[in-house]
Amino acid sequence: MNAKAKEEILQILNQIFKEEMAGIIRYMHYSFMIMGHNRIPIQSWFRAQANESMQHAILIGEKITSYGGHPTLEAAQIPETHTHEIDKILEESVIFEKKALEMYKDLSLLAQKHEDIALEELARQMLREETDHVDEVAKMLRSHQ
């Protein structure tokens, strides 16, 4: 793989890494802010999401170093909305997950372009997981009918 291709891949990997690091912070924060009679299961779910973001960051960080890169020490910007109602937090989560979906789609396309099957498979695995998250949050936001 040529240097330009590696640089393209490293750029998107570092952006994904920043977002996954922000996801750890975001989901931990959400877990602290859940109040009410549904606190325990929702708090646990957010903490599981934080742990999953950490696992994703580890995978992406390792991939960055495999390409000879240097994982950033930065996390993506996390806006503080000061809105801590469960539905609002979940709506914010959907936005974050959809952004992750787009980044992993971009990574998949870039991996295809450079014929890096292992990277493409990693991106596809992450796409499936992020799609599952978007679907789960959508279900959580649905009311009983």
N, C-alpha and C. Protein backbone atom coordinates (compact mmCIF):
# COMPACT_ATOMS: atom_id res chain seq x y z
N MET A 1 0.86 -1.18 0.00
CA MET A 1 0.00 0.00 0.00
C MET A 1 0.90 1.24 0.00
N ASN A 2 0.54 2.19 -0.83
CA ASN A 2 1.38 3.39 -0.93
C ASN A 2 1.13 4.35 0.24
N ALA A 3 2.02 5.32 0.38
CA ALA A 3 1.98 6.26 1.51
C ALA A 3 0.70 7.10 1.50
N LYS A 4 0.23 7.50 0.32
CA LYS A 4 -0.98 8.31 0.23
C LYS A 4 -2.20 7.52 0.72
N ALA A 5 -2.28 6.26 0.34
CA ALA A 5 -3.39 5.41 0.78
C ALA A 5 -3.36 5.25 2.29
N LYS A 6 -2.18 4.99 2.85
CA LYS A 6 -2.06 4.85 4.31
C LYS A 6 -2.49 6.13 5.01
N GLU A 7 -2.11 7.26 4.46
CA GLU A 7 -2.47 8.54 5.08
C GLU A 7 -3.98 8.75 5.06
N GLU A 8 -4.62 8.40 3.95
CA GLU A 8 -6.09 8.50 3.86
C GLU A 8 -6.76 7.63 4.93
N ILE A 9 -6.27 6.41 5.03
CA ILE A 9 -6.84 5.47 6.00
C ILE A 9 -6.57 5.94 7.42
N LEU A 10 -5.36 6.38 7.70
CA LEU A 10 -5.04 6.86 9.05
C LEU A 10 -5.87 8.06 9.45
N GLN A 11 -6.16 8.92 8.50
CA GLN A 11 -6.97 10.10 8.80
C GLN A 11 -8.36 9.70 9.29
N ILE A 12 -9.01 8.79 8.58
CA ILE A 12 -10.35 8.38 9.00
C ILE A 12 -10.30 7.53 10.27
N LEU A 13 -9.27 6.69 10.39
CA LEU A 13 -9.15 5.89 11.62
C LEU A 13 -8.99 6.79 12.84
N ASN A 14 -8.21 7.85 12.72
CA ASN A 14 -8.04 8.76 13.85
C ASN A 14 -9.33 9.51 14.17
N GLN A 15 -10.11 9.85 13.15
CA GLN A 15 -11.39 10.50 13.41
C GLN A 15 -12.33 9.54 14.14
N ILE A 16 -12.36 8.30 13.69
CA ILE A 16 -13.19 7.29 14.36
C ILE A 16 -12.70 7.10 15.80
N PHE A 17 -11.40 7.05 15.98
CA PHE A 17 -10.83 6.89 17.32
C PHE A 17 -11.30 8.02 18.24
N LYS A 18 -11.25 9.25 17.75
CA LYS A 18 -11.71 10.40 18.54
C LYS A 18 -13.18 10.25 18.93
N GLU A 19 -14.00 9.82 17.99
CA GLU A 19 -15.43 9.65 18.27
C GLU A 19 -15.69 8.53 19.26
N GLU A 20 -14.95 7.44 19.14
CA GLU A 20 -15.12 6.34 20.09
C GLU A 20 -14.67 6.76 21.49
N MET A 21 -13.60 7.52 21.58
CA MET A 21 -13.15 8.03 22.89
C MET A 21 -14.22 8.96 23.47
N ALA A 22 -14.80 9.80 22.63
CA ALA A 22 -15.88 10.67 23.08
C ALA A 22 -17.09 9.85 23.52
N GLY A 23 -17.32 8.72 22.84
CA GLY A 23 -18.43 7.84 23.21
C GLY A 23 -18.29 7.31 24.63
N ILE A 24 -17.07 7.00 25.02
CA ILE A 24 -16.83 6.54 26.40
C ILE A 24 -17.30 7.61 27.38
N ILE A 25 -16.85 8.82 27.15
CA ILE A 25 -17.20 9.94 28.04
C ILE A 25 -18.70 10.21 28.00
N ARG A 26 -19.24 10.27 26.79
CA ARG A 26 -20.66 10.56 26.60
C ARG A 26 -21.53 9.56 27.35
N TYR A 27 -21.29 8.27 27.11
CA TYR A 27 -22.14 7.25 27.71
C TYR A 27 -21.95 7.14 29.22
N MET A 28 -20.75 7.37 29.70
CA MET A 28 -20.56 7.38 31.15
C MET A 28 -21.35 8.55 31.77
N HIS A 29 -21.25 9.71 31.13
CA HIS A 29 -21.99 10.88 31.61
C HIS A 29 -23.49 10.58 31.64
N TYR A 30 -24.00 10.03 30.55
CA TYR A 30 -25.41 9.70 30.50
C TYR A 30 -25.78 8.75 31.65
N SER A 31 -24.92 7.77 31.91
CA SER A 31 -25.24 6.80 32.96
C SER A 31 -25.37 7.46 34.33
N PHE A 32 -24.62 8.52 34.56
CA PHE A 32 -24.70 9.23 35.83
C PHE A 32 -25.98 10.07 35.94
N MET A 33 -26.49 10.51 34.79
CA MET A 33 -27.58 11.46 34.78
C MET A 33 -28.97 10.82 34.72
N ILE A 34 -29.03 9.52 34.63
CA ILE A 34 -30.33 8.83 34.59
C ILE A 34 -30.92 8.79 35.99
N MET A 35 -32.14 9.27 36.09
CA MET A 35 -32.85 9.26 37.37
C MET A 35 -34.24 8.65 37.15
N GLY A 36 -34.86 8.23 38.20
CA GLY A 36 -36.21 7.72 38.10
C GLY A 36 -36.27 6.21 38.27
N HIS A 37 -37.48 5.68 38.14
CA HIS A 37 -37.69 4.27 38.43
C HIS A 37 -37.05 3.33 37.41
N ASN A 38 -36.65 3.82 36.26
CA ASN A 38 -35.97 2.97 35.27
C ASN A 38 -34.45 3.14 35.31
N ARG A 39 -33.94 3.79 36.35
CA ARG A 39 -32.52 4.11 36.42
C ARG A 39 -31.61 2.90 36.24
N ILE A 40 -31.84 1.85 36.98
CA ILE A 40 -30.87 0.74 37.01
C ILE A 40 -30.69 0.09 35.63
N PRO A 41 -31.75 -0.32 34.95
CA PRO A 41 -31.49 -0.96 33.64
C PRO A 41 -30.93 0.00 32.60
N ILE A 42 -31.39 1.25 32.61
CA ILE A 42 -30.91 2.21 31.61
C ILE A 42 -29.48 2.62 31.93
N GLN A 43 -29.19 2.83 33.20
CA GLN A 43 -27.82 3.15 33.60
C GLN A 43 -26.88 2.02 33.18
N SER A 44 -27.28 0.78 33.40
CA SER A 44 -26.45 -0.37 33.02
C SER A 44 -26.25 -0.41 31.51
N TRP A 45 -27.29 -0.10 30.76
CA TRP A 45 -27.18 -0.11 29.31
C TRP A 45 -26.18 0.94 28.84
N PHE A 46 -26.25 2.16 29.41
CA PHE A 46 -25.31 3.21 29.02
C PHE A 46 -23.88 2.83 29.39
N ARG A 47 -23.68 2.20 30.53
CA ARG A 47 -22.32 1.78 30.91
C ARG A 47 -21.81 0.69 29.98
N ALA A 48 -22.69 -0.19 29.55
CA ALA A 48 -22.29 -1.20 28.56
C ALA A 48 -21.89 -0.53 27.25
N GLN A 49 -22.63 0.53 26.87
CA GLN A 49 -22.28 1.28 25.65
C GLN A 49 -20.91 1.94 25.81
N ALA A 50 -20.62 2.48 26.99
CA ALA A 50 -19.31 3.09 27.24
C ALA A 50 -18.21 2.04 27.10
N ASN A 51 -18.44 0.86 27.64
CA ASN A 51 -17.46 -0.22 27.52
C ASN A 51 -17.28 -0.66 26.07
N GLU A 52 -18.37 -0.69 25.33
CA GLU A 52 -18.26 -1.05 23.93
C GLU A 52 -17.49 0.01 23.14
N SER A 53 -17.71 1.28 23.45
CA SER A 53 -16.94 2.34 22.81
C SER A 53 -15.45 2.17 23.12
N MET A 54 -15.15 1.77 24.35
CA MET A 54 -13.75 1.54 24.71
C MET A 54 -13.17 0.38 23.90
N GLN A 55 -13.94 -0.69 23.74
CA GLN A 55 -13.45 -1.82 22.94
C GLN A 55 -13.24 -1.41 21.49
N HIS A 56 -14.13 -0.60 20.97
CA HIS A 56 -13.97 -0.11 19.60
C HIS A 56 -12.72 0.77 19.50
N ALA A 57 -12.52 1.63 20.48
CA ALA A 57 -11.34 2.50 20.48
C ALA A 57 -10.06 1.66 20.52
N ILE A 58 -10.07 0.59 21.29
CA ILE A 58 -8.90 -0.29 21.35
C ILE A 58 -8.63 -0.91 19.98
N LEU A 59 -9.66 -1.44 19.34
CA LEU A 59 -9.49 -2.04 18.01
C LEU A 59 -8.96 -1.02 17.00
N ILE A 60 -9.55 0.16 17.02
CA ILE A 60 -9.15 1.19 16.06
C ILE A 60 -7.74 1.69 16.38
N GLY A 61 -7.43 1.88 17.66
CA GLY A 61 -6.07 2.30 18.05
C GLY A 61 -5.02 1.30 17.61
N GLU A 62 -5.32 0.02 17.77
CA GLU A 62 -4.39 -1.02 17.32
C GLU A 62 -4.23 -0.98 15.79
N LYS A 63 -5.34 -0.74 15.10
CA LYS A 63 -5.27 -0.66 13.64
C LYS A 63 -4.43 0.54 13.21
N ILE A 64 -4.58 1.65 13.91
CA ILE A 64 -3.78 2.85 13.60
C ILE A 64 -2.30 2.53 13.71
N THR A 65 -1.91 1.88 14.80
CA THR A 65 -0.49 1.57 14.96
C THR A 65 -0.03 0.52 13.96
N SER A 66 -0.93 -0.37 13.52
CA SER A 66 -0.57 -1.35 12.49
C SER A 66 -0.20 -0.67 11.18
N TYR A 67 -0.83 0.47 10.91
CA TYR A 67 -0.53 1.23 9.71
C TYR A 67 0.65 2.20 9.92
N GLY A 68 1.28 2.13 11.08
CA GLY A 68 2.41 3.00 11.36
C GLY A 68 2.02 4.36 11.87
N GLY A 69 0.75 4.49 12.25
CA GLY A 69 0.26 5.78 12.73
C GLY A 69 0.37 5.93 14.23
N HIS A 70 -0.11 7.04 14.71
CA HIS A 70 -0.06 7.40 16.12
C HIS A 70 -1.46 7.82 16.56
N PRO A 71 -2.13 6.99 17.39
CA PRO A 71 -3.47 7.37 17.84
C PRO A 71 -3.44 8.72 18.57
N THR A 72 -4.39 9.54 18.26
CA THR A 72 -4.48 10.86 18.86
C THR A 72 -4.79 10.77 20.36
N LEU A 73 -4.45 11.79 21.07
CA LEU A 73 -4.80 11.89 22.49
C LEU A 73 -6.06 12.71 22.69
N GLU A 74 -6.71 13.07 21.60
CA GLU A 74 -7.91 13.89 21.65
C GLU A 74 -9.17 13.05 21.53
N ALA A 75 -10.22 13.54 22.15
CA ALA A 75 -11.55 12.99 21.93
C ALA A 75 -12.32 14.02 21.10
N ALA A 76 -13.30 13.56 20.37
CA ALA A 76 -14.14 14.49 19.61
C ALA A 76 -14.90 15.39 20.59
N GLN A 77 -15.26 16.55 20.11
CA GLN A 77 -16.01 17.50 20.91
C GLN A 77 -17.35 16.90 21.32
N ILE A 78 -17.70 17.06 22.58
CA ILE A 78 -18.98 16.55 23.09
C ILE A 78 -19.78 17.74 23.60
N PRO A 79 -20.84 18.09 22.91
CA PRO A 79 -21.64 19.22 23.40
C PRO A 79 -22.41 18.83 24.66
N GLU A 80 -22.44 19.72 25.63
CA GLU A 80 -23.23 19.51 26.85
C GLU A 80 -24.55 20.22 26.65
N THR A 81 -25.61 19.45 26.54
CA THR A 81 -26.92 20.03 26.29
C THR A 81 -27.65 20.38 27.58
N HIS A 82 -27.17 19.86 28.69
CA HIS A 82 -27.82 20.05 30.00
C HIS A 82 -29.25 19.52 29.99
N THR A 83 -29.53 18.64 29.06
CA THR A 83 -30.83 17.98 28.99
C THR A 83 -30.62 16.55 29.43
N HIS A 84 -31.29 16.17 30.52
CA HIS A 84 -31.04 14.84 31.05
C HIS A 84 -32.31 14.00 31.16
N GLU A 85 -33.31 14.36 30.38
CA GLU A 85 -34.49 13.51 30.30
C GLU A 85 -34.13 12.29 29.45
N ILE A 86 -34.62 11.14 29.85
CA ILE A 86 -34.23 9.91 29.18
C ILE A 86 -34.46 9.96 27.68
N ASP A 87 -35.62 10.40 27.23
CA ASP A 87 -35.88 10.45 25.79
C ASP A 87 -34.90 11.37 25.07
N LYS A 88 -34.57 12.49 25.66
CA LYS A 88 -33.64 13.44 25.04
C LYS A 88 -32.24 12.84 24.96
N ILE A 89 -31.83 12.16 26.02
CA ILE A 89 -30.51 11.51 26.02
C ILE A 89 -30.47 10.44 24.93
N LEU A 90 -31.53 9.67 24.82
CA LEU A 90 -31.57 8.63 23.79
C LEU A 90 -31.56 9.24 22.39
N GLU A 91 -32.25 10.37 22.21
CA GLU A 91 -32.22 11.05 20.92
C GLU A 91 -30.80 11.52 20.59
N GLU A 92 -30.08 12.03 21.60
CA GLU A 92 -28.68 12.41 21.39
C GLU A 92 -27.85 11.18 21.03
N SER A 93 -28.14 10.06 21.65
CA SER A 93 -27.42 8.82 21.37
C SER A 93 -27.59 8.39 19.92
N VAL A 94 -28.81 8.53 19.40
CA VAL A 94 -29.07 8.16 18.01
C VAL A 94 -28.20 9.01 17.08
N ILE A 95 -28.09 10.29 17.37
CA ILE A 95 -27.27 11.18 16.54
C ILE A 95 -25.82 10.70 16.54
N PHE A 96 -25.29 10.38 17.71
CA PHE A 96 -23.93 9.88 17.85
C PHE A 96 -23.75 8.57 17.09
N GLU A 97 -24.68 7.65 17.24
CA GLU A 97 -24.59 6.35 16.57
C GLU A 97 -24.68 6.50 15.06
N LYS A 98 -25.53 7.39 14.57
CA LYS A 98 -25.65 7.59 13.13
C LYS A 98 -24.36 8.21 12.56
N LYS A 99 -23.73 9.08 13.33
CA LYS A 99 -22.45 9.64 12.89
C LYS A 99 -21.41 8.53 12.79
N ALA A 100 -21.40 7.65 13.78
CA ALA A 100 -20.47 6.51 13.76
C ALA A 100 -20.74 5.63 12.53
N LEU A 101 -22.01 5.40 12.24
CA LEU A 101 -22.37 4.62 11.05
C LEU A 101 -21.76 5.22 9.79
N GLU A 102 -21.88 6.52 9.64
CA GLU A 102 -21.35 7.18 8.46
C GLU A 102 -19.83 7.05 8.38
N MET A 103 -19.15 7.19 9.50
CA MET A 103 -17.69 7.08 9.49
C MET A 103 -17.25 5.66 9.14
N TYR A 104 -17.95 4.66 9.69
CA TYR A 104 -17.59 3.28 9.36
C TYR A 104 -17.93 2.94 7.90
N LYS A 105 -18.98 3.54 7.36
CA LYS A 105 -19.27 3.37 5.93
C LYS A 105 -18.14 3.95 5.09
N ASP A 106 -17.69 5.14 5.47
CA ASP A 106 -16.57 5.78 4.76
C ASP A 106 -15.31 4.91 4.84
N LEU A 107 -15.06 4.34 6.02
CA LEU A 107 -13.90 3.47 6.19
C LEU A 107 -14.04 2.23 5.30
N SER A 108 -15.22 1.66 5.25
CA SER A 108 -15.45 0.48 4.41
C SER A 108 -15.18 0.78 2.95
N LEU A 109 -15.68 1.91 2.47
CA LEU A 109 -15.47 2.31 1.07
C LEU A 109 -13.99 2.55 0.79
N LEU A 110 -13.30 3.18 1.72
CA LEU A 110 -11.88 3.45 1.56
C LEU A 110 -11.09 2.13 1.54
N ALA A 111 -11.48 1.21 2.41
CA ALA A 111 -10.82 -0.10 2.44
C ALA A 111 -11.04 -0.84 1.12
N GLN A 112 -12.26 -0.75 0.57
CA GLN A 112 -12.53 -1.37 -0.73
C GLN A 112 -11.66 -0.74 -1.82
N LYS A 113 -11.58 0.58 -1.80
CA LYS A 113 -10.80 1.32 -2.79
C LYS A 113 -9.34 0.86 -2.79
N HIS A 114 -8.80 0.62 -1.60
CA HIS A 114 -7.39 0.23 -1.48
C HIS A 114 -7.20 -1.27 -1.36
N GLU A 115 -8.30 -2.01 -1.57
CA GLU A 115 -8.28 -3.47 -1.57
C GLU A 115 -7.68 -4.05 -0.28
N ASP A 116 -8.09 -3.48 0.84
CA ASP A 116 -7.66 -3.96 2.15
C ASP A 116 -8.82 -4.73 2.77
N ILE A 117 -8.85 -6.02 2.52
CA ILE A 117 -9.99 -6.86 2.92
C ILE A 117 -10.14 -6.90 4.44
N ALA A 118 -9.04 -7.01 5.17
CA ALA A 118 -9.13 -7.07 6.64
C ALA A 118 -9.74 -5.80 7.20
N LEU A 119 -9.32 -4.66 6.68
CA LEU A 119 -9.87 -3.39 7.14
C LEU A 119 -11.34 -3.27 6.76
N GLU A 120 -11.68 -3.74 5.58
CA GLU A 120 -13.08 -3.71 5.15
C GLU A 120 -13.94 -4.58 6.07
N GLU A 121 -13.44 -5.75 6.43
CA GLU A 121 -14.19 -6.63 7.33
C GLU A 121 -14.36 -5.98 8.71
N LEU A 122 -13.33 -5.33 9.20
CA LEU A 122 -13.43 -4.61 10.48
C LEU A 122 -14.51 -3.54 10.38
N ALA A 123 -14.48 -2.77 9.32
CA ALA A 123 -15.46 -1.69 9.13
C ALA A 123 -16.87 -2.27 9.04
N ARG A 124 -17.03 -3.38 8.35
CA ARG A 124 -18.35 -4.00 8.22
C ARG A 124 -18.85 -4.52 9.57
N GLN A 125 -17.96 -5.10 10.36
CA GLN A 125 -18.33 -5.56 11.70
C GLN A 125 -18.83 -4.38 12.54
N MET A 126 -18.11 -3.28 12.48
CA MET A 126 -18.51 -2.09 13.24
C MET A 126 -19.82 -1.52 12.70
N LEU A 127 -20.00 -1.56 11.40
CA LEU A 127 -21.26 -1.10 10.80
C LEU A 127 -22.44 -1.90 11.34
N ARG A 128 -22.28 -3.20 11.42
CA ARG A 128 -23.36 -4.04 11.94
C ARG A 128 -23.66 -3.69 13.39
N GLU A 129 -22.61 -3.53 14.21
CA GLU A 129 -22.82 -3.19 15.62
C GLU A 129 -23.49 -1.84 15.77
N GLU A 130 -23.05 -0.86 15.02
CA GLU A 130 -23.63 0.48 15.12
C GLU A 130 -25.07 0.48 14.61
N THR A 131 -25.36 -0.29 13.57
CA THR A 131 -26.73 -0.40 13.08
C THR A 131 -27.62 -1.01 14.16
N ASP A 132 -27.12 -2.03 14.83
CA ASP A 132 -27.87 -2.64 15.93
C ASP A 132 -28.17 -1.62 17.02
N HIS A 133 -27.20 -0.74 17.32
CA HIS A 133 -27.41 0.28 18.35
C HIS A 133 -28.50 1.26 17.93
N VAL A 134 -28.44 1.71 16.69
CA VAL A 134 -29.46 2.64 16.21
C VAL A 134 -30.84 1.99 16.30
N ASP A 135 -30.92 0.73 15.91
CA ASP A 135 -32.20 0.01 15.97
C ASP A 135 -32.68 -0.12 17.42
N GLU A 136 -31.79 -0.45 18.33
CA GLU A 136 -32.17 -0.61 19.74
C GLU A 136 -32.67 0.70 20.33
N VAL A 137 -31.95 1.78 20.07
CA VAL A 137 -32.36 3.07 20.61
C VAL A 137 -33.71 3.49 20.02
N ALA A 138 -33.91 3.22 18.74
CA ALA A 138 -35.20 3.53 18.12
C ALA A 138 -36.32 2.78 18.83
N LYS A 139 -36.08 1.53 19.18
CA LYS A 139 -37.08 0.75 19.92
C LYS A 139 -37.31 1.33 21.31
N MET A 140 -36.24 1.78 21.96
CA MET A 140 -36.37 2.36 23.30
C MET A 140 -37.19 3.65 23.27
N LEU A 141 -37.09 4.36 22.15
CA LEU A 141 -37.83 5.62 22.02
C LEU A 141 -39.29 5.43 21.64
N ARG A 142 -39.63 4.24 21.16
CA ARG A 142 -41.02 3.95 20.78
C ARG A 142 -41.88 3.77 22.01
N SER A 143 -43.07 4.32 21.95
CA SER A 143 -44.00 4.12 23.07
C SER A 143 -44.85 2.89 22.80
N HIS A 144 -45.43 2.33 23.85
CA HIS A 144 -46.33 1.20 23.68
C HIS A 144 -47.57 1.66 22.93
N GLN A 145 -48.02 0.85 22.01
CA GLN A 145 -49.17 1.25 21.22
C GLN A 145 -50.29 0.27 21.39
